[in-house]
Amino acid sequence: MPAKTHLIPSPWFVYILECENDRLYTGITTDLARRYREHASGKGAAFTRMNKPRRLLAFTPCADRSEASRLEAQIKRLSASSKRSLATSWAGTDALRPS
Protein backbone atom coordinates (compact mmCIF):
# COMPACT_ATOMS: atom_id res chain seq x y z
CA MET A 1 0.00 0.00 0.00
CA PRO A 2 1.45 3.41 -0.96
CA ALA A 3 2.34 5.79 1.83
CA LYS A 4 -0.20 8.49 2.51
CA THR A 5 0.96 11.90 1.50
CA HIS A 6 -0.06 14.77 3.71
CA LEU A 7 -0.42 17.74 1.46
CA ILE A 8 -0.09 21.14 2.97
CA PRO A 9 -2.78 23.34 1.47
CA SER A 10 -1.50 26.18 -0.67
CA PRO A 11 -2.18 29.62 0.75
CA TRP A 12 -4.58 31.81 -1.17
CA PHE A 13 -3.75 35.41 -1.99
CA VAL A 14 -5.78 38.42 -3.05
CA TYR A 15 -3.72 40.66 -5.31
CA ILE A 16 -4.04 44.01 -7.02
CA LEU A 17 -2.35 44.67 -10.36
CA GLU A 18 -1.64 48.10 -11.74
CA CYS A 19 -2.03 48.18 -15.52
CA GLU A 20 -0.17 50.34 -18.05
CA ASN A 21 -3.17 52.67 -18.36
CA ASP A 22 -3.26 53.07 -14.54
CA ARG A 23 -6.37 50.90 -14.22
CA LEU A 24 -6.39 48.34 -11.41
CA TYR A 25 -7.26 44.65 -11.50
CA THR A 26 -8.04 42.53 -8.43
CA GLY A 27 -7.82 38.74 -8.41
CA ILE A 28 -7.08 35.65 -6.32
CA THR A 29 -4.52 32.88 -6.72
CA THR A 30 -2.39 30.33 -4.89
CA ASP A 31 0.70 31.23 -6.96
CA LEU A 32 1.39 34.93 -7.42
CA ALA A 33 4.36 34.57 -9.78
CA ARG A 34 2.58 32.13 -12.10
CA ARG A 35 -0.60 34.21 -12.18
CA TYR A 36 1.31 37.41 -12.93
CA ARG A 37 3.10 35.68 -15.82
CA GLU A 38 -0.28 34.53 -17.15
CA HIS A 39 -1.68 38.06 -17.02
CA ALA A 40 1.48 39.55 -18.57
CA SER A 41 1.48 37.02 -21.42
CA GLY A 42 -2.16 37.67 -22.30
CA LYS A 43 -3.40 34.35 -20.92
CA GLY A 44 -4.97 35.79 -17.79
CA ALA A 45 -8.34 37.46 -17.41
CA ALA A 46 -10.02 39.27 -20.29
CA PHE A 47 -9.50 42.56 -18.40
CA THR A 48 -5.72 42.14 -18.36
CA ARG A 49 -5.66 41.10 -22.02
CA MET A 50 -7.09 44.56 -22.79
CA ASN A 51 -5.19 46.36 -19.99
CA LYS A 52 -1.63 45.05 -19.89
CA PRO A 53 -0.30 44.69 -16.32
CA ARG A 54 2.58 46.97 -15.35
CA ARG A 55 3.25 45.58 -11.88
CA LEU A 56 1.89 43.67 -8.94
CA LEU A 57 0.83 46.57 -6.76
CA ALA A 58 0.11 44.55 -3.61
CA PHE A 59 -1.16 41.28 -2.20
CA THR A 60 -2.34 39.78 1.05
CA PRO A 61 -2.64 36.15 2.17
CA CYS A 62 -5.97 34.56 3.06
CA ALA A 63 -6.82 31.46 5.06
CA ASP A 64 -8.63 29.72 2.20
CA ARG A 65 -10.31 30.22 -1.16
CA SER A 66 -13.58 31.25 0.44
CA GLU A 67 -11.97 34.08 2.40
CA ALA A 68 -9.99 35.18 -0.68
CA SER A 69 -13.13 35.25 -2.82
CA ARG A 70 -15.05 37.30 -0.26
CA LEU A 71 -12.21 39.81 0.08
CA GLU A 72 -11.79 40.04 -3.70
CA ALA A 73 -15.51 40.84 -4.09
CA GLN A 74 -15.28 43.56 -1.44
CA ILE A 75 -12.22 45.13 -3.07
CA LYS A 76 -13.78 45.11 -6.54
CA ARG A 77 -16.56 47.36 -5.17
CA LEU A 78 -14.04 50.00 -4.02
CA SER A 79 -13.01 53.08 -5.97
CA ALA A 80 -9.56 53.11 -7.56
CA SER A 81 -8.27 55.53 -4.92
CA SER A 82 -9.58 53.28 -2.13
CA LYS A 83 -7.90 50.28 -3.76
CA ARG A 84 -4.60 52.19 -3.88
CA SER A 85 -4.94 53.13 -0.21
CA LEU A 86 -5.64 49.52 0.65
CA ALA A 87 -2.61 48.40 -1.35
CA THR A 88 -0.45 50.85 0.58
CA SER A 89 -1.74 49.42 3.87
CA TRP A 90 -0.59 45.93 2.82
CA ALA A 91 2.90 46.89 4.03
CA GLY A 92 6.00 45.71 2.27
CA THR A 93 4.31 44.58 -0.94
CA ASP A 94 4.32 47.72 -3.06
CA ALA A 95 5.91 47.48 -6.50
CA LEU A 96 6.58 43.74 -6.45
CA ARG A 97 7.22 42.08 -9.76
CA PRO A 98 7.12 38.29 -9.60
CA SER A 99 9.44 36.55 -12.04
PDB file of N, CA and C in Angstrom:
ATOM      1  N   MET A   1       0.850  -1.175   0.000  1.00  0.00           N
ATOM      2  CA  MET A   1       0.000   0.000   0.000  1.00  0.00           C
ATOM      3  C   MET A   1       0.896   1.240   0.000  1.00  0.00           C
ATOM      4  N   PRO A   2       0.623   2.199  -0.905  1.00  0.00           N
ATOM      5  CA  PRO A   2       1.448   3.406  -0.961  1.00  0.00           C
ATOM      6  C   PRO A   2       1.284   4.238   0.301  1.00  0.00           C
ATOM      7  N   ALA A   3       2.361   4.919   0.653  1.00  0.00           N
ATOM      8  CA  ALA A   3       2.337   5.790   1.833  1.00  0.00           C
ATOM      9  C   ALA A   3       1.387   6.951   1.593  1.00  0.00           C
ATOM     10  N   LYS A   4       0.690   7.346   2.627  1.00  0.00           N
ATOM     11  CA  LYS A   4      -0.204   8.494   2.514  1.00  0.00           C
ATOM     12  C   LYS A   4       0.628   9.766   2.489  1.00  0.00           C
ATOM     13  N   THR A   5       0.282  10.624   1.605  1.00  0.00           N
ATOM     14  CA  THR A   5       0.962  11.901   1.501  1.00  0.00           C
ATOM     15  C   THR A   5       0.091  12.958   2.151  1.00  0.00           C
ATOM     16  N   HIS A   6       0.662  13.680   3.068  1.00  0.00           N
ATOM     17  CA  HIS A   6      -0.064  14.767   3.714  1.00  0.00           C
ATOM     18  C   HIS A   6       0.285  16.056   2.995  1.00  0.00           C
ATOM     19  N   LEU A   7      -0.649  16.511   2.216  1.00  0.00           N
ATOM     20  CA  LEU A   7      -0.416  17.736   1.458  1.00  0.00           C
ATOM     21  C   LEU A   7      -0.741  18.948   2.320  1.00  0.00           C
ATOM     22  N   ILE A   8       0.149  19.882   2.284  1.00  0.00           N
ATOM     23  CA  ILE A   8      -0.090  21.144   2.973  1.00  0.00           C
ATOM     24  C   ILE A   8      -0.852  22.028   1.990  1.00  0.00           C
ATOM     25  N   PRO A   9      -2.020  22.512   2.402  1.00  0.00           N
ATOM     26  CA  PRO A   9      -2.785  23.338   1.470  1.00  0.00           C
ATOM     27  C   PRO A   9      -2.018  24.590   1.070  1.00  0.00           C
ATOM     28  N   SER A  10      -2.144  24.950  -0.190  1.00  0.00           N
ATOM     29  CA  SER A  10      -1.504  26.175  -0.673  1.00  0.00           C
ATOM     30  C   SER A  10      -2.243  27.379  -0.114  1.00  0.00           C
ATOM     31  N   PRO A  11      -1.502  28.409   0.280  1.00  0.00           N
ATOM     32  CA  PRO A  11      -2.183  29.620   0.750  1.00  0.00           C
ATOM     33  C   PRO A  11      -2.849  30.324  -0.437  1.00  0.00           C
ATOM     34  N   TRP A  12      -3.904  31.000  -0.160  1.00  0.00           N
ATOM     35  CA  TRP A  12      -4.583  31.815  -1.167  1.00  0.00           C
ATOM     36  C   TRP A  12      -4.184  33.267  -0.949  1.00  0.00           C
ATOM     37  N   PHE A  13      -4.103  34.001  -2.036  1.00  0.00           N
ATOM     38  CA  PHE A  13      -3.753  35.409  -1.995  1.00  0.00           C
ATOM     39  C   PHE A  13      -4.781  36.214  -2.773  1.00  0.00           C
ATOM     40  N   VAL A  14      -5.053  37.413  -2.283  1.00  0.00           N
ATOM     41  CA  VAL A  14      -5.778  38.420  -3.051  1.00  0.00           C
ATOM     42  C   VAL A  14      -4.713  39.400  -3.513  1.00  0.00           C
ATOM     43  N   TYR A  15      -4.745  39.764  -4.783  1.00  0.00           N
ATOM     44  CA  TYR A  15      -3.720  40.660  -5.314  1.00  0.00           C
ATOM     45  C   TYR A  15      -4.354  41.780  -6.121  1.00  0.00           C
ATOM     46  N   ILE A  16      -3.616  42.863  -6.221  1.00  0.00           N
ATOM     47  CA  ILE A  16      -4.043  44.010  -7.024  1.00  0.00           C
ATOM     48  C   ILE A  16      -2.932  44.308  -8.020  1.00  0.00           C
ATOM     49  N   LEU A  17      -3.290  44.326  -9.292  1.00  0.00           N
ATOM     50  CA  LEU A  17      -2.354  44.672 -10.360  1.00  0.00           C
ATOM     51  C   LEU A  17      -2.604  46.107 -10.796  1.00  0.00           C
ATOM     52  N   GLU A  18      -1.531  46.795 -11.111  1.00  0.00           N
ATOM     53  CA  GLU A  18      -1.637  48.105 -11.741  1.00  0.00           C
ATOM     54  C   GLU A  18      -1.329  47.893 -13.215  1.00  0.00           C
ATOM     55  N   CYS A  19      -2.205  48.364 -14.076  1.00  0.00           N
ATOM     56  CA  CYS A  19      -2.029  48.176 -15.518  1.00  0.00           C
ATOM     57  C   CYS A  19      -1.379  49.406 -16.141  1.00  0.00           C
ATOM     58  N   GLU A  20      -0.900  49.257 -17.380  1.00  0.00           N
ATOM     59  CA  GLU A  20      -0.171  50.337 -18.050  1.00  0.00           C
ATOM     60  C   GLU A  20      -0.992  51.608 -18.199  1.00  0.00           C
ATOM     61  N   ASN A  21      -2.305  51.490 -18.241  1.00  0.00           N
ATOM     62  CA  ASN A  21      -3.166  52.668 -18.361  1.00  0.00           C
ATOM     63  C   ASN A  21      -3.656  53.149 -16.984  1.00  0.00           C
ATOM     64  N   ASP A  22      -2.970  52.714 -15.928  1.00  0.00           N
ATOM     65  CA  ASP A  22      -3.262  53.071 -14.536  1.00  0.00           C
ATOM     66  C   ASP A  22      -4.550  52.471 -13.988  1.00  0.00           C
ATOM     67  N   ARG A  23      -5.209  51.610 -14.752  1.00  0.00           N
ATOM     68  CA  ARG A  23      -6.368  50.903 -14.217  1.00  0.00           C
ATOM     69  C   ARG A  23      -5.877  49.797 -13.296  1.00  0.00           C
ATOM     70  N   LEU A  24      -6.751  49.361 -12.387  1.00  0.00           N
ATOM     71  CA  LEU A  24      -6.391  48.335 -11.408  1.00  0.00           C
ATOM     72  C   LEU A  24      -7.217  47.076 -11.638  1.00  0.00           C
ATOM     73  N   TYR A  25      -6.590  45.946 -11.391  1.00  0.00           N
ATOM     74  CA  TYR A  25      -7.262  44.652 -11.497  1.00  0.00           C
ATOM     75  C   TYR A  25      -7.056  43.914 -10.180  1.00  0.00           C
ATOM     76  N   THR A  26      -8.113  43.303  -9.666  1.00  0.00           N
ATOM     77  CA  THR A  26      -8.038  42.527  -8.431  1.00  0.00           C
ATOM     78  C   THR A  26      -8.367  41.078  -8.740  1.00  0.00           C
ATOM     79  N   GLY A  27      -7.572  40.164  -8.188  1.00  0.00           N
ATOM     80  CA  GLY A  27      -7.816  38.744  -8.410  1.00  0.00           C
ATOM     81  C   GLY A  27      -7.350  37.912  -7.228  1.00  0.00           C
ATOM     82  N   ILE A  28      -7.545  36.588  -7.343  1.00  0.00           N
ATOM     83  CA  ILE A  28      -7.085  35.653  -6.318  1.00  0.00           C
ATOM     84  C   ILE A  28      -6.272  34.548  -6.980  1.00  0.00           C
ATOM     85  N   THR A  29      -5.356  33.965  -6.207  1.00  0.00           N
ATOM     86  CA  THR A  29      -4.520  32.880  -6.722  1.00  0.00           C
ATOM     87  C   THR A  29      -3.824  32.174  -5.566  1.00  0.00           C
ATOM     88  N   THR A  30      -3.266  31.012  -5.854  1.00  0.00           N
ATOM     89  CA  THR A  30      -2.390  30.332  -4.895  1.00  0.00           C
ATOM     90  C   THR A  30      -0.922  30.506  -5.285  1.00  0.00           C
ATOM     91  N   ASP A  31      -0.675  31.066  -6.462  1.00  0.00           N
ATOM     92  CA  ASP A  31       0.696  31.227  -6.961  1.00  0.00           C
ATOM     93  C   ASP A  31       0.820  32.590  -7.644  1.00  0.00           C
ATOM     94  N   LEU A  32       1.316  33.561  -6.911  1.00  0.00           N
ATOM     95  CA  LEU A  32       1.391  34.931  -7.419  1.00  0.00           C
ATOM     96  C   LEU A  32       2.270  35.057  -8.668  1.00  0.00           C
ATOM     97  N   ALA A  33       3.432  34.442  -8.645  1.00  0.00           N
ATOM     98  CA  ALA A  33       4.356  34.569  -9.778  1.00  0.00           C
ATOM     99  C   ALA A  33       3.762  33.969 -11.045  1.00  0.00           C
ATOM    100  N   ARG A  34       3.188  32.782 -10.925  1.00  0.00           N
ATOM    101  CA  ARG A  34       2.579  32.130 -12.099  1.00  0.00           C
ATOM    102  C   ARG A  34       1.427  32.972 -12.638  1.00  0.00           C
ATOM    103  N   ARG A  35       0.574  33.445 -11.736  1.00  0.00           N
ATOM    104  CA  ARG A  35      -0.600  34.205 -12.177  1.00  0.00           C
ATOM    105  C   ARG A  35      -0.187  35.516 -12.828  1.00  0.00           C
ATOM    106  N   TYR A  36       0.841  36.181 -12.299  1.00  0.00           N
ATOM    107  CA  TYR A  36       1.311  37.414 -12.926  1.00  0.00           C
ATOM    108  C   TYR A  36       1.827  37.124 -14.339  1.00  0.00           C
ATOM    109  N   ARG A  37       2.598  36.047 -14.477  1.00  0.00           N
ATOM    110  CA  ARG A  37       3.102  35.680 -15.815  1.00  0.00           C
ATOM    111  C   ARG A  37       1.935  35.433 -16.772  1.00  0.00           C
ATOM    112  N   GLU A  38       0.893  34.775 -16.290  1.00  0.00           N
ATOM    113  CA  GLU A  38      -0.277  34.527 -17.148  1.00  0.00           C
ATOM    114  C   GLU A  38      -0.906  35.842 -17.593  1.00  0.00           C
ATOM    115  N   HIS A  39      -1.109  36.753 -16.665  1.00  0.00           N
ATOM    116  CA  HIS A  39      -1.682  38.058 -17.023  1.00  0.00           C
ATOM    117  C   HIS A  39      -0.771  38.785 -18.006  1.00  0.00           C
ATOM    118  N   ALA A  40       0.525  38.811 -17.729  1.00  0.00           N
ATOM    119  CA  ALA A  40       1.480  39.546 -18.572  1.00  0.00           C
ATOM    120  C   ALA A  40       1.587  38.966 -19.973  1.00  0.00           C
ATOM    121  N   SER A  41       1.372  37.659 -20.109  1.00  0.00           N
ATOM    122  CA  SER A  41       1.483  37.016 -21.419  1.00  0.00           C
ATOM    123  C   SER A  41       0.169  37.013 -22.195  1.00  0.00           C
ATOM    124  N   GLY A  42      -0.882  37.615 -21.617  1.00  0.00           N
ATOM    125  CA  GLY A  42      -2.163  37.671 -22.303  1.00  0.00           C
ATOM    126  C   GLY A  42      -3.021  36.433 -22.099  1.00  0.00           C
ATOM    127  N   LYS A  43      -2.635  35.575 -21.178  1.00  0.00           N
ATOM    128  CA  LYS A  43      -3.399  34.350 -20.919  1.00  0.00           C
ATOM    129  C   LYS A  43      -4.185  34.430 -19.617  1.00  0.00           C
ATOM    130  N   GLY A  44      -4.229  35.612 -19.035  1.00  0.00           N
ATOM    131  CA  GLY A  44      -4.971  35.789 -17.789  1.00  0.00           C
ATOM    132  C   GLY A  44      -6.412  36.167 -18.087  1.00  0.00           C
ATOM    133  N   ALA A  45      -6.958  37.007 -17.275  1.00  0.00           N
ATOM    134  CA  ALA A  45      -8.342  37.462 -17.408  1.00  0.00           C
ATOM    135  C   ALA A  45      -8.510  38.353 -18.643  1.00  0.00           C
ATOM    136  N   ALA A  46      -9.728  38.425 -19.134  1.00  0.00           N
ATOM    137  CA  ALA A  46     -10.024  39.275 -20.289  1.00  0.00           C
ATOM    138  C   ALA A  46      -9.628  40.729 -20.006  1.00  0.00           C
ATOM    139  N   PHE A  47      -9.848  41.185 -18.766  1.00  0.00           N
ATOM    140  CA  PHE A  47      -9.499  42.560 -18.403  1.00  0.00           C
ATOM    141  C   PHE A  47      -8.017  42.823 -18.633  1.00  0.00           C
ATOM    142  N   THR A  48      -7.155  41.901 -18.225  1.00  0.00           N
ATOM    143  CA  THR A  48      -5.716  42.138 -18.364  1.00  0.00           C
ATOM    144  C   THR A  48      -5.219  41.855 -19.786  1.00  0.00           C
ATOM    145  N   ARG A  49      -6.024  41.215 -20.603  1.00  0.00           N
ATOM    146  CA  ARG A  49      -5.663  41.103 -22.025  1.00  0.00           C
ATOM    147  C   ARG A  49      -5.840  42.460 -22.700  1.00  0.00           C
ATOM    148  N   MET A  50      -6.819  43.235 -22.210  1.00  0.00           N
ATOM    149  CA  MET A  50      -7.088  44.557 -22.787  1.00  0.00           C
ATOM    150  C   MET A  50      -6.333  45.663 -22.050  1.00  0.00           C
ATOM    151  N   ASN A  51      -5.881  45.383 -20.835  1.00  0.00           N
ATOM    152  CA  ASN A  51      -5.186  46.360 -19.993  1.00  0.00           C
ATOM    153  C   ASN A  51      -3.928  45.690 -19.452  1.00  0.00           C
ATOM    154  N   LYS A  52      -2.847  45.771 -20.227  1.00  0.00           N
ATOM    155  CA  LYS A  52      -1.626  45.047 -19.891  1.00  0.00           C
ATOM    156  C   LYS A  52      -1.093  45.415 -18.502  1.00  0.00           C
ATOM    157  N   PRO A  53      -0.817  44.406 -17.666  1.00  0.00           N
ATOM    158  CA  PRO A  53      -0.305  44.692 -16.324  1.00  0.00           C
ATOM    159  C   PRO A  53       1.087  45.327 -16.354  1.00  0.00           C
ATOM    160  N   ARG A  54       1.283  46.316 -15.503  1.00  0.00           N
ATOM    161  CA  ARG A  54       2.578  46.974 -15.348  1.00  0.00           C
ATOM    162  C   ARG A  54       3.338  46.364 -14.172  1.00  0.00           C
ATOM    163  N   ARG A  55       2.599  46.120 -13.072  1.00  0.00           N
ATOM    164  CA  ARG A  55       3.251  45.578 -11.882  1.00  0.00           C
ATOM    165  C   ARG A  55       2.212  45.004 -10.928  1.00  0.00           C
ATOM    166  N   LEU A  56       2.697  44.153 -10.049  1.00  0.00           N
ATOM    167  CA  LEU A  56       1.891  43.666  -8.943  1.00  0.00           C
ATOM    168  C   LEU A  56       1.958  44.753  -7.883  1.00  0.00           C
ATOM    169  N   LEU A  57       0.858  45.434  -7.684  1.00  0.00           N
ATOM    170  CA  LEU A  57       0.835  46.566  -6.760  1.00  0.00           C
ATOM    171  C   LEU A  57       0.908  46.088  -5.322  1.00  0.00           C
ATOM    172  N   ALA A  58       0.125  45.051  -4.976  1.00  0.00           N
ATOM    173  CA  ALA A  58       0.108  44.547  -3.607  1.00  0.00           C
ATOM    174  C   ALA A  58      -0.635  43.228  -3.540  1.00  0.00           C
ATOM    175  N   PHE A  59      -0.416  42.516  -2.439  1.00  0.00           N
ATOM    176  CA  PHE A  59      -1.160  41.277  -2.202  1.00  0.00           C
ATOM    177  C   PHE A  59      -1.260  41.042  -0.709  1.00  0.00           C
ATOM    178  N   THR A  60      -2.195  40.167  -0.346  1.00  0.00           N
ATOM    179  CA  THR A  60      -2.343  39.777   1.053  1.00  0.00           C
ATOM    180  C   THR A  60      -2.763  38.310   1.101  1.00  0.00           C
ATOM    181  N   PRO A  61      -2.254  37.558   2.056  1.00  0.00           N
ATOM    182  CA  PRO A  61      -2.636  36.147   2.167  1.00  0.00           C
ATOM    183  C   PRO A  61      -4.015  36.002   2.806  1.00  0.00           C
ATOM    184  N   CYS A  62      -4.670  34.901   2.489  1.00  0.00           N
ATOM    185  CA  CYS A  62      -5.971  34.562   3.061  1.00  0.00           C
ATOM    186  C   CYS A  62      -5.927  33.120   3.553  1.00  0.00           C
ATOM    187  N   ALA A  63      -6.804  32.796   4.469  1.00  0.00           N
ATOM    188  CA  ALA A  63      -6.823  31.459   5.065  1.00  0.00           C
ATOM    189  C   ALA A  63      -7.221  30.381   4.063  1.00  0.00           C
ATOM    190  N   ASP A  64      -8.133  30.717   3.156  1.00  0.00           N
ATOM    191  CA  ASP A  64      -8.626  29.721   2.201  1.00  0.00           C
ATOM    192  C   ASP A  64      -9.270  30.432   1.012  1.00  0.00           C
ATOM    193  N   ARG A  65      -9.722  29.643   0.044  1.00  0.00           N
ATOM    194  CA  ARG A  65     -10.311  30.217  -1.165  1.00  0.00           C
ATOM    195  C   ARG A  65     -11.559  31.038  -0.850  1.00  0.00           C
ATOM    196  N   SER A  66     -12.351  30.554   0.081  1.00  0.00           N
ATOM    197  CA  SER A  66     -13.583  31.249   0.436  1.00  0.00           C
ATOM    198  C   SER A  66     -13.291  32.661   0.956  1.00  0.00           C
ATOM    199  N   GLU A  67     -12.347  32.754   1.864  1.00  0.00           N
ATOM    200  CA  GLU A  67     -11.970  34.075   2.401  1.00  0.00           C
ATOM    201  C   GLU A  67     -11.420  34.967   1.290  1.00  0.00           C
ATOM    202  N   ALA A  68     -10.574  34.406   0.424  1.00  0.00           N
ATOM    203  CA  ALA A  68      -9.993  35.176  -0.676  1.00  0.00           C
ATOM    204  C   ALA A  68     -11.083  35.686  -1.617  1.00  0.00           C
ATOM    205  N   SER A  69     -12.043  34.846  -1.919  1.00  0.00           N
ATOM    206  CA  SER A  69     -13.131  35.246  -2.821  1.00  0.00           C
ATOM    207  C   SER A  69     -13.983  36.359  -2.223  1.00  0.00           C
ATOM    208  N   ARG A  70     -14.260  36.251  -0.928  1.00  0.00           N
ATOM    209  CA  ARG A  70     -15.047  37.304  -0.264  1.00  0.00           C
ATOM    210  C   ARG A  70     -14.298  38.631  -0.271  1.00  0.00           C
ATOM    211  N   LEU A  71     -13.000  38.591   0.058  1.00  0.00           N
ATOM    212  CA  LEU A  71     -12.208  39.815   0.076  1.00  0.00           C
ATOM    213  C   LEU A  71     -12.094  40.407  -1.327  1.00  0.00           C
ATOM    214  N   GLU A  72     -11.877  39.564  -2.321  1.00  0.00           N
ATOM    215  CA  GLU A  72     -11.794  40.036  -3.705  1.00  0.00           C
ATOM    216  C   GLU A  72     -13.080  40.774  -4.089  1.00  0.00           C
ATOM    217  N   ALA A  73     -14.226  40.210  -3.757  1.00  0.00           N
ATOM    218  CA  ALA A  73     -15.509  40.837  -4.092  1.00  0.00           C
ATOM    219  C   ALA A  73     -15.649  42.192  -3.412  1.00  0.00           C
ATOM    220  N   GLN A  74     -15.213  42.286  -2.155  1.00  0.00           N
ATOM    221  CA  GLN A  74     -15.275  43.564  -1.436  1.00  0.00           C
ATOM    222  C   GLN A  74     -14.382  44.610  -2.092  1.00  0.00           C
ATOM    223  N   ILE A  75     -13.175  44.196  -2.466  1.00  0.00           N
ATOM    224  CA  ILE A  75     -12.221  45.126  -3.068  1.00  0.00           C
ATOM    225  C   ILE A  75     -12.717  45.608  -4.423  1.00  0.00           C
ATOM    226  N   LYS A  76     -13.307  44.723  -5.203  1.00  0.00           N
ATOM    227  CA  LYS A  76     -13.784  45.107  -6.536  1.00  0.00           C
ATOM    228  C   LYS A  76     -14.874  46.178  -6.474  1.00  0.00           C
ATOM    229  N   ARG A  77     -15.528  46.322  -5.330  1.00  0.00           N
ATOM    230  CA  ARG A  77     -16.559  47.357  -5.171  1.00  0.00           C
ATOM    231  C   ARG A  77     -15.970  48.706  -4.766  1.00  0.00           C
ATOM    232  N   LEU A  78     -14.683  48.751  -4.449  1.00  0.00           N
ATOM    233  CA  LEU A  78     -14.035  49.999  -4.019  1.00  0.00           C
ATOM    234  C   LEU A  78     -13.675  50.881  -5.213  1.00  0.00           C
ATOM    235  N   SER A  79     -13.520  52.153  -4.946  1.00  0.00           N
ATOM    236  CA  SER A  79     -13.007  53.079  -5.968  1.00  0.00           C
ATOM    237  C   SER A  79     -11.521  52.796  -6.177  1.00  0.00           C
ATOM    238  N   ALA A  80     -10.986  53.304  -7.279  1.00  0.00           N
ATOM    239  CA  ALA A  80      -9.556  53.111  -7.558  1.00  0.00           C
ATOM    240  C   ALA A  80      -8.695  53.725  -6.460  1.00  0.00           C
ATOM    241  N   SER A  81      -9.078  54.899  -5.976  1.00  0.00           N
ATOM    242  CA  SER A  81      -8.269  55.533  -4.923  1.00  0.00           C
ATOM    243  C   SER A  81      -8.330  54.718  -3.623  1.00  0.00           C
ATOM    244  N   SER A  82      -9.474  54.131  -3.326  1.00  0.00           N
ATOM    245  CA  SER A  82      -9.580  53.284  -2.127  1.00  0.00           C
ATOM    246  C   SER A  82      -8.754  52.010  -2.292  1.00  0.00           C
ATOM    247  N   LYS A  83      -8.724  51.476  -3.502  1.00  0.00           N
ATOM    248  CA  LYS A  83      -7.898  50.283  -3.764  1.00  0.00           C
ATOM    249  C   LYS A  83      -6.420  50.617  -3.582  1.00  0.00           C
ATOM    250  N   ARG A  84      -6.012  51.785  -4.047  1.00  0.00           N
ATOM    251  CA  ARG A  84      -4.602  52.191  -3.885  1.00  0.00           C
ATOM    252  C   ARG A  84      -4.256  52.397  -2.411  1.00  0.00           C
ATOM    253  N   SER A  85      -5.161  52.967  -1.657  1.00  0.00           N
ATOM    254  CA  SER A  85      -4.939  53.131  -0.214  1.00  0.00           C
ATOM    255  C   SER A  85      -4.828  51.777   0.472  1.00  0.00           C
ATOM    256  N   LEU A  86      -5.694  50.866   0.091  1.00  0.00           N
ATOM    257  CA  LEU A  86      -5.643  49.520   0.652  1.00  0.00           C
ATOM    258  C   LEU A  86      -4.311  48.854   0.316  1.00  0.00           C
ATOM    259  N   ALA A  87      -3.884  48.983  -0.923  1.00  0.00           N
ATOM    260  CA  ALA A  87      -2.610  48.396  -1.350  1.00  0.00           C
ATOM    261  C   ALA A  87      -1.457  48.943  -0.520  1.00  0.00           C
ATOM    262  N   THR A  88      -1.491  50.232  -0.237  1.00  0.00           N
ATOM    263  CA  THR A  88      -0.449  50.852   0.582  1.00  0.00           C
ATOM    264  C   THR A  88      -0.455  50.270   1.993  1.00  0.00           C
ATOM    265  N   SER A  89      -1.642  49.960   2.500  1.00  0.00           N
ATOM    266  CA  SER A  89      -1.739  49.416   3.867  1.00  0.00           C
ATOM    267  C   SER A  89      -1.220  47.977   3.954  1.00  0.00           C
ATOM    268  N   TRP A  90      -1.168  47.285   2.832  1.00  0.00           N
ATOM    269  CA  TRP A  90      -0.592  45.934   2.822  1.00  0.00           C
ATOM    270  C   TRP A  90       0.917  46.087   2.790  1.00  0.00           C
ATOM    271  N   ALA A  91       1.495  46.490   3.894  1.00  0.00           N
ATOM    272  CA  ALA A  91       2.903  46.895   4.031  1.00  0.00           C
ATOM    273  C   ALA A  91       3.877  45.919   3.391  1.00  0.00           C
ATOM    274  N   GLY A  92       4.894  46.493   2.779  1.00  0.00           N
ATOM    275  CA  GLY A  92       5.999  45.706   2.266  1.00  0.00           C
ATOM    276  C   GLY A  92       5.744  45.029   0.943  1.00  0.00           C
ATOM    277  N   THR A  93       4.608  45.290   0.305  1.00  0.00           N
ATOM    278  CA  THR A  93       4.311  44.579  -0.936  1.00  0.00           C
ATOM    279  C   THR A  93       4.254  45.486  -2.138  1.00  0.00           C
ATOM    280  N   ASP A  94       4.426  46.799  -1.948  1.00  0.00           N
ATOM    281  CA  ASP A  94       4.317  47.721  -3.056  1.00  0.00           C
ATOM    282  C   ASP A  94       5.393  47.467  -4.104  1.00  0.00           C
ATOM    283  N   ALA A  95       4.999  47.541  -5.349  1.00  0.00           N
ATOM    284  CA  ALA A  95       5.906  47.480  -6.499  1.00  0.00           C
ATOM    285  C   ALA A  95       6.602  46.146  -6.663  1.00  0.00           C
ATOM    286  N   LEU A  96       5.978  45.064  -6.248  1.00  0.00           N
ATOM    287  CA  LEU A  96       6.578  43.744  -6.450  1.00  0.00           C
ATOM    288  C   LEU A  96       6.348  43.282  -7.880  1.00  0.00           C
ATOM    289  N   ARG A  97       7.331  42.632  -8.418  1.00  0.00           N
ATOM    290  CA  ARG A  97       7.220  42.076  -9.757  1.00  0.00           C
ATOM    291  C   ARG A  97       7.661  40.622  -9.712  1.00  0.00           C
ATOM    292  N   PRO A  98       6.706  39.682  -9.640  1.00  0.00           N
ATOM    293  CA  PRO A  98       7.116  38.287  -9.604  1.00  0.00           C
ATOM    294  C   PRO A  98       7.800  37.902 -10.909  1.00  0.00           C
ATOM    295  N   SER A  99       8.734  36.988 -10.824  1.00  0.00           N
ATOM    296  CA  SER A  99       9.442  36.553 -12.044  1.00  0.00           C
ATOM    297  C   SER A  99       8.706  35.446 -12.740  1.00  0.00           C
TER     298      SER A  99
END
